[in-house]
Amino acid sequence: MTAQEVRLCGLLLREHFGEVVEKVGTQLLRSGAQNLRTIIHETGLSVDLVKKSLMVLVQHGACLFSSGRKGPGSPTEYRSGCDRILRILRYPRYIYTAKTLYGDTGELIIEELLQRGHMTMSGTVKTVADRLTQNMEEGRSMDYSEVSSAFSKLVETHFLQRCPPLAGAGTADSTNPAPGATPSFPDCYKVPHMTLVGRGKRQLTAEDGEDQRNAKRQKMDPEAHGDEGIYWQVNFERFHLHFRDQAIISAVANKLDQTSSEIVRTMLRMSEVTTSPAATCTKPLSANEIFRSLPASYNIPRPILDQYLTLLVDDPMEFVGKAGESGGGMYVVNLHRALANLARATLESVVQERFGSRSARIFRLLLRKRHLEQKQVEDFAMIPAKEAKDMLYTLLSQNLVQLQVGNGCFRS
């Protein structure tokens, strides 16, 4: 990680958690895995402050802990990573995505979990129901069952997941998955049966002294709802996969049309939970399955769907591939190939915007041919020798192409 990344992470930690947490987090970023005694010595903070700072970082997933490198019995070591802290920059996008998909209830559920790191389902449902009730007209309130339903939908689509079970500080790294790793325990997406019945409550006014005391007494003596000890967190990887899918859908809409993008959206939605995050393509889907899953509002006849699928398969961007003939044809979305082609198109667009259409022609040629000599570039691009030379060395000075000195070839 670079010094600028560490500095940015430090500023984010200061803004969200204060200067003490920033000092501990920055120390972990710069020095790698350290035990509690070393952190206290290096930061000059008291034991209590360091423990509380580590607790905050662990609570929000910005810090991992594992057994010491010297083996069993050695002090627990803590470590952090820039990628875990830089996720804070995307918090507004996570919240907006939840609002788009699941409305105000989904938005507040994600917001509460991002603010607190992890919570029980019952605690989240109560807090969100109270917040929604506060914004309703007088006399109306939000039922807990409605919030529970939205919570269950977020779990069903893997936007929320259970926190991995902790077997103790001396366990291996399996208790703290790496950034982006999907927890492997079987109940990761299992919603517990809750006995939570009621409606959201409004904030009490200052005059309601007795009511406030009763509410405080209830808070000190909470009821059991059947989900004690089961904590939930935001599945950041699932949100990132959703952003990837939206980029592909948007590209299809821009390249072809809205109907094509809706077909691709349907294919991605059908396989969003079953496809592995590292898979190069989605699970094969038959044309019959795609036809049955299309939104009724589009009213696309089956022959037209077949034509659109053929068009998508034949498109140079390779958004969709054909994987078989059964069921009217088996189709997949080429995730990695589509993203690679999108990145390539973006690069070509940047080169054309900054250096002109002729430089973009040379750059596109080098991308396609991998490496060419200067004379070959001039011939294939049909550009005069002097201009081609100037453009090549302009691209070279911007690190957009490389020169292999041994054979005098340029490559992108």
Protein backbone atom coordinates (compact mmCIF):
# COMPACT_ATOMS: atom_id res chain seq x y z
CA MET A 1 0.00 0.00 0.00
CA THR A 2 1.18 3.52 -0.77
CA ALA A 3 1.67 6.39 1.66
CA GLN A 4 -1.27 8.21 0.06
CA GLU A 5 -3.56 5.22 0.65
CA VAL A 6 -2.54 5.09 4.31
CA ARG A 7 -3.13 8.83 4.65
CA LEU A 8 -6.59 8.55 3.06
CA CYS A 9 -7.49 5.64 5.35
CA GLY A 10 -6.34 7.67 8.34
CA LEU A 11 -8.54 10.61 7.34
CA LEU A 12 -11.55 8.29 6.90
CA LEU A 13 -10.98 6.71 10.33
CA ARG A 14 -10.66 10.16 11.93
CA GLU A 15 -13.87 11.41 10.30
CA HIS A 16 -15.94 8.38 11.34
CA PHE A 17 -14.37 7.21 14.62
CA GLY A 18 -12.11 9.98 15.96
CA GLU A 19 -8.39 10.65 16.35
CA VAL A 20 -7.61 7.80 18.77
CA VAL A 21 -9.00 5.13 16.43
CA GLU A 22 -7.19 6.83 13.54
CA LYS A 23 -3.87 6.54 15.40
CA VAL A 24 -4.33 2.83 16.12
CA GLY A 25 -5.60 2.05 12.62
CA THR A 26 -2.77 3.93 10.92
CA GLN A 27 -0.23 2.11 13.09
CA LEU A 28 -1.63 -1.27 11.98
CA LEU A 29 -1.60 -0.21 8.32
CA ARG A 30 2.01 0.92 8.43
CA SER A 31 3.46 -1.87 10.56
CA GLY A 32 1.37 -4.92 9.65
CA ALA A 33 0.27 -7.53 12.22
CA GLN A 34 1.05 -6.51 15.81
CA ASN A 35 0.05 -7.70 19.28
CA LEU A 36 -1.58 -5.50 21.91
CA ARG A 37 1.63 -4.70 23.80
CA THR A 38 3.42 -3.54 20.64
CA ILE A 39 0.50 -1.35 19.59
CA ILE A 40 0.44 0.31 23.03
CA HIS A 41 4.19 0.92 22.89
CA GLU A 42 4.18 2.31 19.33
CA THR A 43 1.15 4.59 19.72
CA GLY A 44 1.86 5.81 23.26
CA LEU A 45 -1.82 5.42 24.18
CA SER A 46 -3.21 3.86 27.34
CA VAL A 47 -4.22 0.20 27.42
CA ASP A 48 -7.89 1.11 27.79
CA LEU A 49 -7.90 3.44 24.76
CA VAL A 50 -6.09 0.92 22.54
CA LYS A 51 -8.50 -1.87 23.54
CA LYS A 52 -11.52 0.32 22.82
CA SER A 53 -10.05 1.41 19.47
CA LEU A 54 -9.39 -2.19 18.45
CA MET A 55 -12.93 -3.10 19.52
CA VAL A 56 -14.34 -0.37 17.23
CA LEU A 57 -12.18 -1.48 14.30
CA VAL A 58 -13.12 -5.15 14.74
CA GLN A 59 -16.80 -4.23 15.16
CA HIS A 60 -16.79 -2.50 11.76
CA GLY A 61 -14.71 -5.14 9.98
CA ALA A 62 -11.70 -2.83 9.53
CA CYS A 63 -9.42 -5.02 11.66
CA LEU A 64 -8.79 -8.78 11.86
CA PHE A 65 -7.27 -10.77 14.71
CA SER A 66 -5.62 -14.18 14.76
CA SER A 67 -3.28 -16.28 16.88
CA GLY A 68 0.32 -15.10 17.05
CA ARG A 69 2.89 -16.20 14.50
CA LYS A 70 4.89 -18.05 17.19
CA GLY A 71 2.16 -20.66 17.56
CA PRO A 72 -0.46 -21.59 20.18
CA GLY A 73 -0.25 -19.58 23.38
CA SER A 74 1.43 -16.57 21.77
CA PRO A 75 -0.29 -13.16 22.05
CA THR A 76 -3.16 -12.43 19.67
CA GLU A 77 -2.13 -10.29 16.71
CA TYR A 78 -4.20 -7.61 15.00
CA ARG A 79 -3.94 -6.45 11.41
CA SER A 80 -5.80 -4.13 9.07
CA GLY A 81 -5.93 -3.45 5.34
CA CYS A 82 -6.62 -0.41 3.20
CA ASP A 83 -9.28 -2.19 1.16
CA ARG A 84 -11.37 -2.78 4.28
CA ILE A 85 -11.21 0.87 5.33
CA LEU A 86 -11.68 2.32 1.84
CA ARG A 87 -15.08 0.61 1.67
CA ILE A 88 -16.32 3.54 3.77
CA LEU A 89 -16.17 5.67 0.61
CA ARG A 90 -18.84 3.43 -0.93
CA TYR A 91 -21.25 3.52 2.00
CA PRO A 92 -23.59 6.05 0.29
CA ARG A 93 -23.71 3.83 -2.80
CA TYR A 94 -24.52 0.73 -0.74
CA ILE A 95 -27.36 2.60 0.98
CA TYR A 96 -28.73 4.03 -2.29
CA THR A 97 -28.66 0.56 -3.90
CA ALA A 98 -30.65 -0.89 -0.99
CA LYS A 99 -33.18 1.96 -1.31
CA THR A 100 -33.52 1.32 -5.06
CA LEU A 101 -34.08 -2.41 -4.60
CA TYR A 102 -36.03 -2.58 -1.31
CA GLY A 103 -37.34 0.90 -0.63
CA ASP A 104 -36.98 3.01 2.51
CA THR A 105 -37.02 -0.04 4.80
CA GLY A 106 -34.10 -1.69 3.01
CA GLU A 107 -32.23 1.61 3.00
CA LEU A 108 -32.52 2.04 6.78
CA ILE A 109 -31.57 -1.59 7.47
CA ILE A 110 -28.32 -1.23 5.51
CA GLU A 111 -27.66 2.21 7.03
CA GLU A 112 -28.04 0.90 10.59
CA LEU A 113 -25.75 -2.07 9.96
CA LEU A 114 -23.12 0.12 8.32
CA GLN A 115 -23.23 2.55 11.23
CA ARG A 116 -22.97 -0.13 13.92
CA GLY A 117 -20.88 -2.78 12.20
CA HIS A 118 -23.12 -5.70 13.14
CA MET A 119 -26.43 -6.17 14.95
CA THR A 120 -28.97 -8.85 15.77
CA MET A 121 -32.00 -9.13 13.52
CA SER A 122 -34.41 -8.23 16.33
CA GLY A 123 -32.37 -5.16 17.28
CA THR A 124 -32.23 -4.01 13.66
CA VAL A 125 -35.96 -4.54 13.14
CA LYS A 126 -36.87 -2.55 16.26
CA THR A 127 -34.53 0.35 15.45
CA VAL A 128 -35.66 0.62 11.81
CA ALA A 129 -39.36 0.34 12.72
CA ASP A 130 -38.94 3.15 15.28
CA ARG A 131 -37.19 5.37 12.71
CA LEU A 132 -39.87 4.75 10.08
CA THR A 133 -42.63 5.39 12.62
CA GLN A 134 -41.01 8.69 13.59
CA ASN A 135 -41.45 9.94 9.99
CA MET A 136 -45.06 8.77 9.64
CA GLU A 137 -48.20 10.76 10.29
CA GLU A 138 -49.49 10.94 13.85
CA GLY A 139 -51.40 7.80 14.75
CA ARG A 140 -49.61 5.58 12.24
CA SER A 141 -46.73 3.21 12.93
CA MET A 142 -44.59 0.57 11.18
CA ASP A 143 -45.28 -3.07 11.96
CA TYR A 144 -42.26 -5.18 12.93
CA SER A 145 -43.35 -7.88 10.47
CA GLU A 146 -42.91 -5.53 7.49
CA VAL A 147 -39.33 -4.70 8.50
CA SER A 148 -38.63 -8.39 9.18
CA SER A 149 -39.85 -9.21 5.67
CA ALA A 150 -37.48 -6.66 4.09
CA PHE A 151 -34.63 -7.99 6.26
CA SER A 152 -35.37 -11.56 5.09
CA LYS A 153 -35.36 -10.45 1.44
CA LEU A 154 -31.93 -8.85 1.89
CA VAL A 155 -30.66 -12.13 3.39
CA GLU A 156 -32.31 -14.18 0.65
CA THR A 157 -30.47 -12.20 -2.03
CA HIS A 158 -27.24 -12.38 0.05
CA PHE A 159 -26.92 -8.62 0.66
CA LEU A 160 -26.83 -9.49 4.37
CA GLN A 161 -25.04 -12.41 5.99
CA ARG A 162 -24.40 -13.78 9.45
CA CYS A 163 -21.15 -12.85 11.16
CA PRO A 164 -18.77 -15.82 11.23
CA PRO A 165 -18.88 -17.69 14.55
CA LEU A 166 -15.93 -16.96 16.82
CA ALA A 167 -14.28 -19.88 18.54
CA GLY A 168 -11.88 -17.73 20.55
CA ALA A 169 -8.95 -15.40 20.03
CA GLY A 170 -6.47 -18.21 19.59
CA THR A 171 -8.11 -19.65 16.50
CA ALA A 172 -6.78 -19.45 13.00
CA ASP A 173 -7.73 -16.92 10.37
CA SER A 174 -10.82 -18.94 9.46
CA THR A 175 -12.75 -16.93 12.07
CA ASN A 176 -11.91 -13.75 10.16
CA PRO A 177 -12.33 -14.26 6.42
CA ALA A 178 -10.17 -12.24 4.06
CA PRO A 179 -11.71 -9.15 2.44
CA GLY A 180 -14.24 -10.20 -0.16
CA ALA A 181 -14.26 -13.84 0.99
CA THR A 182 -17.65 -15.49 1.41
CA PRO A 183 -18.11 -17.17 4.79
CA SER A 184 -18.16 -20.95 4.42
CA PHE A 185 -20.24 -21.97 7.46
CA PRO A 186 -23.58 -23.58 6.51
CA ASP A 187 -25.98 -21.18 8.27
CA CYS A 188 -24.52 -18.07 6.67
CA TYR A 189 -27.85 -17.09 5.04
CA LYS A 190 -30.29 -18.81 7.40
CA VAL A 191 -32.81 -16.45 8.98
CA PRO A 192 -33.66 -17.44 12.59
CA HIS A 193 -37.23 -17.83 13.77
CA MET A 194 -38.09 -14.74 15.81
CA THR A 195 -40.90 -14.16 18.27
CA LEU A 196 -40.97 -10.42 17.72
CA VAL A 197 -44.46 -8.90 17.60
CA GLY A 198 -45.38 -5.25 17.79
CA ARG A 199 -45.06 -1.90 16.07
CA GLY A 200 -42.53 0.91 15.97
CA LYS A 201 -42.57 3.55 18.71
CA ARG A 202 -42.10 7.28 18.46
CA GLN A 203 -39.40 9.14 20.35
CA LEU A 204 -40.66 10.23 23.74
CA THR A 205 -40.97 13.92 24.57
CA ALA A 206 -39.31 15.51 27.59
CA GLU A 207 -42.66 15.72 29.45
CA ASP A 208 -43.18 11.97 29.41
CA GLY A 209 -40.93 11.36 32.40
CA GLU A 210 -42.68 8.23 33.61
CA ASP A 211 -42.79 6.74 30.12
CA GLN A 212 -39.08 7.42 29.71
CA ARG A 213 -38.31 5.57 32.96
CA ASN A 214 -40.42 2.61 31.79
CA ALA A 215 -38.66 2.57 28.44
CA LYS A 216 -35.28 2.67 30.17
CA ARG A 217 -36.33 -0.19 32.44
CA GLN A 218 -37.33 -2.25 29.39
CA LYS A 219 -34.01 -1.51 27.74
CA MET A 220 -32.11 -2.71 30.80
CA ASP A 221 -34.17 -5.90 30.94
CA PRO A 222 -34.60 -6.90 27.27
CA GLU A 223 -36.95 -9.68 26.20
CA ALA A 224 -35.71 -12.81 24.39
CA HIS A 225 -36.77 -13.00 20.74
CA GLY A 226 -35.10 -16.23 19.65
CA ASP A 227 -32.10 -14.72 17.83
CA GLU A 228 -29.78 -14.00 20.75
CA GLY A 229 -26.12 -14.27 19.82
CA ILE A 230 -26.80 -14.26 16.05
CA TYR A 231 -25.31 -11.12 14.54
CA TRP A 232 -25.64 -9.87 10.98
CA GLN A 233 -23.39 -7.76 8.78
CA VAL A 234 -23.44 -6.24 5.29
CA ASN A 235 -22.10 -8.54 2.56
CA PHE A 236 -19.93 -6.02 0.71
CA GLU A 237 -18.90 -8.54 -1.93
CA ARG A 238 -22.53 -9.06 -2.95
CA PHE A 239 -22.96 -5.33 -3.45
CA HIS A 240 -19.82 -5.24 -5.60
CA LEU A 241 -21.17 -8.09 -7.73
CA HIS A 242 -24.42 -6.14 -8.11
CA PHE A 243 -22.44 -3.08 -9.29
CA ARG A 244 -20.65 -5.32 -11.80
CA ASP A 245 -23.97 -6.65 -13.12
CA GLN A 246 -25.37 -3.12 -13.45
CA ALA A 247 -22.30 -2.05 -15.45
CA ILE A 248 -22.85 -4.94 -17.87
CA ILE A 249 -26.58 -4.18 -18.18
CA SER A 250 -25.88 -0.50 -18.83
CA ALA A 251 -23.28 -1.37 -21.48
CA VAL A 252 -25.74 -3.68 -23.27
CA ALA A 253 -28.38 -0.92 -23.26
CA ASN A 254 -25.93 1.59 -24.73
CA LYS A 255 -24.50 -0.83 -27.32
CA LEU A 256 -27.77 -2.48 -28.43
CA ASP A 257 -31.12 -1.46 -26.94
CA GLN A 258 -33.28 -1.55 -23.83
CA THR A 259 -34.89 -4.91 -24.67
CA SER A 260 -31.48 -6.59 -24.97
CA SER A 261 -30.44 -5.13 -21.61
CA GLU A 262 -33.65 -6.44 -20.01
CA ILE A 263 -32.89 -9.94 -21.30
CA VAL A 264 -29.38 -9.77 -19.83
CA ARG A 265 -30.80 -8.35 -16.58
CA THR A 266 -33.19 -11.32 -16.36
CA MET A 267 -30.33 -13.79 -16.93
CA LEU A 268 -28.21 -12.14 -14.24
CA ARG A 269 -31.12 -12.02 -11.78
CA MET A 270 -31.85 -15.73 -12.31
CA SER A 271 -28.26 -16.69 -11.49
CA GLU A 272 -27.25 -13.96 -9.01
CA VAL A 273 -27.29 -16.26 -5.98
CA THR A 274 -26.20 -19.51 -7.64
CA THR A 275 -23.17 -18.18 -9.53
CA SER A 276 -19.84 -18.20 -7.67
CA PRO A 277 -18.26 -14.74 -7.19
CA ALA A 278 -15.09 -15.89 -8.96
CA ALA A 279 -16.90 -17.57 -11.89
CA THR A 280 -16.03 -16.38 -15.39
CA CYS A 281 -19.64 -16.81 -16.53
CA THR A 282 -23.08 -17.44 -15.08
CA LYS A 283 -24.74 -20.85 -14.81
CA PRO A 284 -26.18 -22.01 -18.18
CA LEU A 285 -29.83 -21.02 -18.63
CA SER A 286 -32.17 -22.41 -21.27
CA ALA A 287 -34.10 -20.12 -23.61
CA ASN A 288 -37.31 -21.56 -22.16
CA GLU A 289 -36.30 -20.54 -18.61
CA ILE A 290 -35.32 -17.05 -19.77
CA PHE A 291 -38.64 -16.67 -21.62
CA ARG A 292 -40.66 -17.64 -18.53
CA SER A 293 -38.68 -15.27 -16.27
CA LEU A 294 -38.92 -12.14 -18.44
CA PRO A 295 -41.07 -9.32 -16.97
CA ALA A 296 -44.66 -9.56 -18.20
CA SER A 297 -44.62 -5.84 -19.06
CA TYR A 298 -42.18 -6.43 -21.94
CA ASN A 299 -44.45 -8.98 -23.68
CA ILE A 300 -41.67 -10.35 -25.92
CA PRO A 301 -42.80 -13.24 -28.19
CA ARG A 302 -40.64 -16.35 -28.13
CA PRO A 303 -39.34 -15.98 -31.75
CA ILE A 304 -38.27 -12.40 -30.99
CA LEU A 305 -36.45 -13.59 -27.85
CA ASP A 306 -34.53 -16.14 -29.91
CA GLN A 307 -33.51 -13.38 -32.34
CA TYR A 308 -32.30 -11.17 -29.49
CA LEU A 309 -30.30 -14.02 -27.95
CA THR A 310 -28.66 -14.73 -31.32
CA LEU A 311 -27.86 -11.02 -31.66
CA LEU A 312 -26.26 -10.96 -28.19
CA VAL A 313 -24.19 -14.09 -28.93
CA ASP A 314 -22.92 -12.66 -32.25
CA ASP A 315 -22.06 -9.22 -30.82
CA PRO A 316 -18.27 -8.51 -30.76
CA MET A 317 -18.50 -7.44 -27.10
CA GLU A 318 -19.40 -11.08 -26.24
CA PHE A 319 -21.84 -10.22 -23.47
CA VAL A 320 -23.66 -13.56 -23.93
CA GLY A 321 -22.32 -16.94 -25.00
CA LYS A 322 -24.03 -20.14 -26.11
CA ALA A 323 -23.30 -23.23 -24.01
CA GLY A 324 -25.55 -25.90 -25.60
CA GLU A 325 -28.68 -26.67 -27.61
CA SER A 326 -31.00 -28.29 -25.06
CA GLY A 327 -34.12 -26.48 -23.88
CA GLY A 328 -34.19 -24.25 -26.96
CA GLY A 329 -30.52 -23.35 -26.44
CA MET A 330 -28.40 -22.88 -23.31
CA TYR A 331 -26.98 -19.40 -22.72
CA VAL A 332 -24.53 -17.82 -20.26
CA VAL A 333 -23.46 -14.25 -19.50
CA ASN A 334 -19.70 -13.98 -20.05
CA LEU A 335 -18.89 -11.95 -16.94
CA HIS A 336 -15.09 -11.70 -17.20
CA ARG A 337 -15.04 -11.34 -20.99
CA ALA A 338 -17.70 -8.62 -20.91
CA LEU A 339 -15.80 -6.67 -18.23
CA ALA A 340 -12.51 -7.06 -20.13
CA ASN A 341 -14.13 -5.71 -23.29
CA LEU A 342 -15.69 -2.84 -21.32
CA ALA A 343 -12.29 -1.94 -19.84
CA ARG A 344 -10.75 -2.12 -23.29
CA ALA A 345 -13.44 0.14 -24.79
CA THR A 346 -12.93 2.62 -21.94
CA LEU A 347 -9.17 2.72 -22.58
CA GLU A 348 -9.71 3.30 -26.29
CA SER A 349 -12.14 6.10 -25.50
CA VAL A 350 -9.64 7.77 -23.14
CA VAL A 351 -6.85 7.60 -25.75
CA GLN A 352 -9.13 9.04 -28.44
CA GLU A 353 -10.29 11.85 -26.16
CA ARG A 354 -6.74 12.85 -25.13
CA PHE A 355 -4.67 12.17 -28.26
CA GLY A 356 -7.08 12.07 -31.19
CA SER A 357 -8.60 9.47 -33.50
CA ARG A 358 -5.31 8.50 -35.20
CA SER A 359 -3.59 7.73 -31.90
CA ALA A 360 -6.66 5.72 -30.90
CA ARG A 361 -6.35 3.79 -34.18
CA ILE A 362 -2.74 2.91 -33.35
CA PHE A 363 -3.64 1.97 -29.77
CA ARG A 364 -6.53 -0.22 -30.95
CA LEU A 365 -4.22 -1.88 -33.47
CA LEU A 366 -1.62 -2.69 -30.80
CA LEU A 367 -4.34 -4.09 -28.51
CA ARG A 368 -5.47 -6.40 -31.27
CA LYS A 369 -2.05 -7.48 -32.61
CA ARG A 370 -0.28 -7.49 -29.20
CA HIS A 371 3.08 -6.24 -30.57
CA LEU A 372 4.20 -4.63 -33.84
CA GLU A 373 7.30 -2.95 -35.24
CA GLN A 374 7.12 0.73 -36.07
CA LYS A 375 7.04 0.02 -39.83
CA GLN A 376 4.17 -2.43 -39.35
CA VAL A 377 2.22 0.15 -37.33
CA GLU A 378 2.64 2.66 -40.17
CA ASP A 379 1.44 0.15 -42.77
CA PHE A 380 -1.48 -1.34 -40.84
CA ALA A 381 -2.76 2.03 -39.52
CA MET A 382 -2.15 3.75 -42.89
CA ILE A 383 -0.51 6.74 -41.21
CA PRO A 384 2.59 8.56 -42.56
CA ALA A 385 5.89 7.48 -40.98
CA LYS A 386 6.64 10.82 -39.24
CA GLU A 387 3.16 11.12 -37.71
CA ALA A 388 3.11 7.48 -36.62
CA LYS A 389 6.51 7.91 -34.94
CA ASP A 390 5.37 11.02 -33.05
CA MET A 391 2.13 9.37 -31.92
CA LEU A 392 3.90 6.20 -30.79
CA TYR A 393 6.36 8.10 -28.65
CA THR A 394 3.59 10.27 -27.21
CA LEU A 395 1.76 7.11 -26.14
CA LEU A 396 5.07 5.71 -24.86
CA SER A 397 5.73 8.81 -22.73
CA GLN A 398 2.26 8.40 -21.15
CA ASN A 399 2.96 4.70 -20.33
CA LEU A 400 0.09 3.62 -22.58
CA VAL A 401 2.39 1.48 -24.77
CA GLN A 402 5.69 -0.25 -24.11
CA LEU A 403 8.81 -0.67 -26.23
CA GLN A 404 10.65 -3.98 -26.39
CA VAL A 405 14.22 -2.91 -27.06
CA GLY A 406 15.47 -6.31 -28.30
CA ASN A 407 13.30 -6.41 -31.42
CA GLY A 408 12.12 -2.79 -31.55
CA CYS A 409 8.44 -3.76 -31.16
CA PHE A 410 5.74 -1.65 -29.56
CA ARG A 411 2.98 -3.28 -27.52
CA SER A 412 0.01 -1.96 -25.58
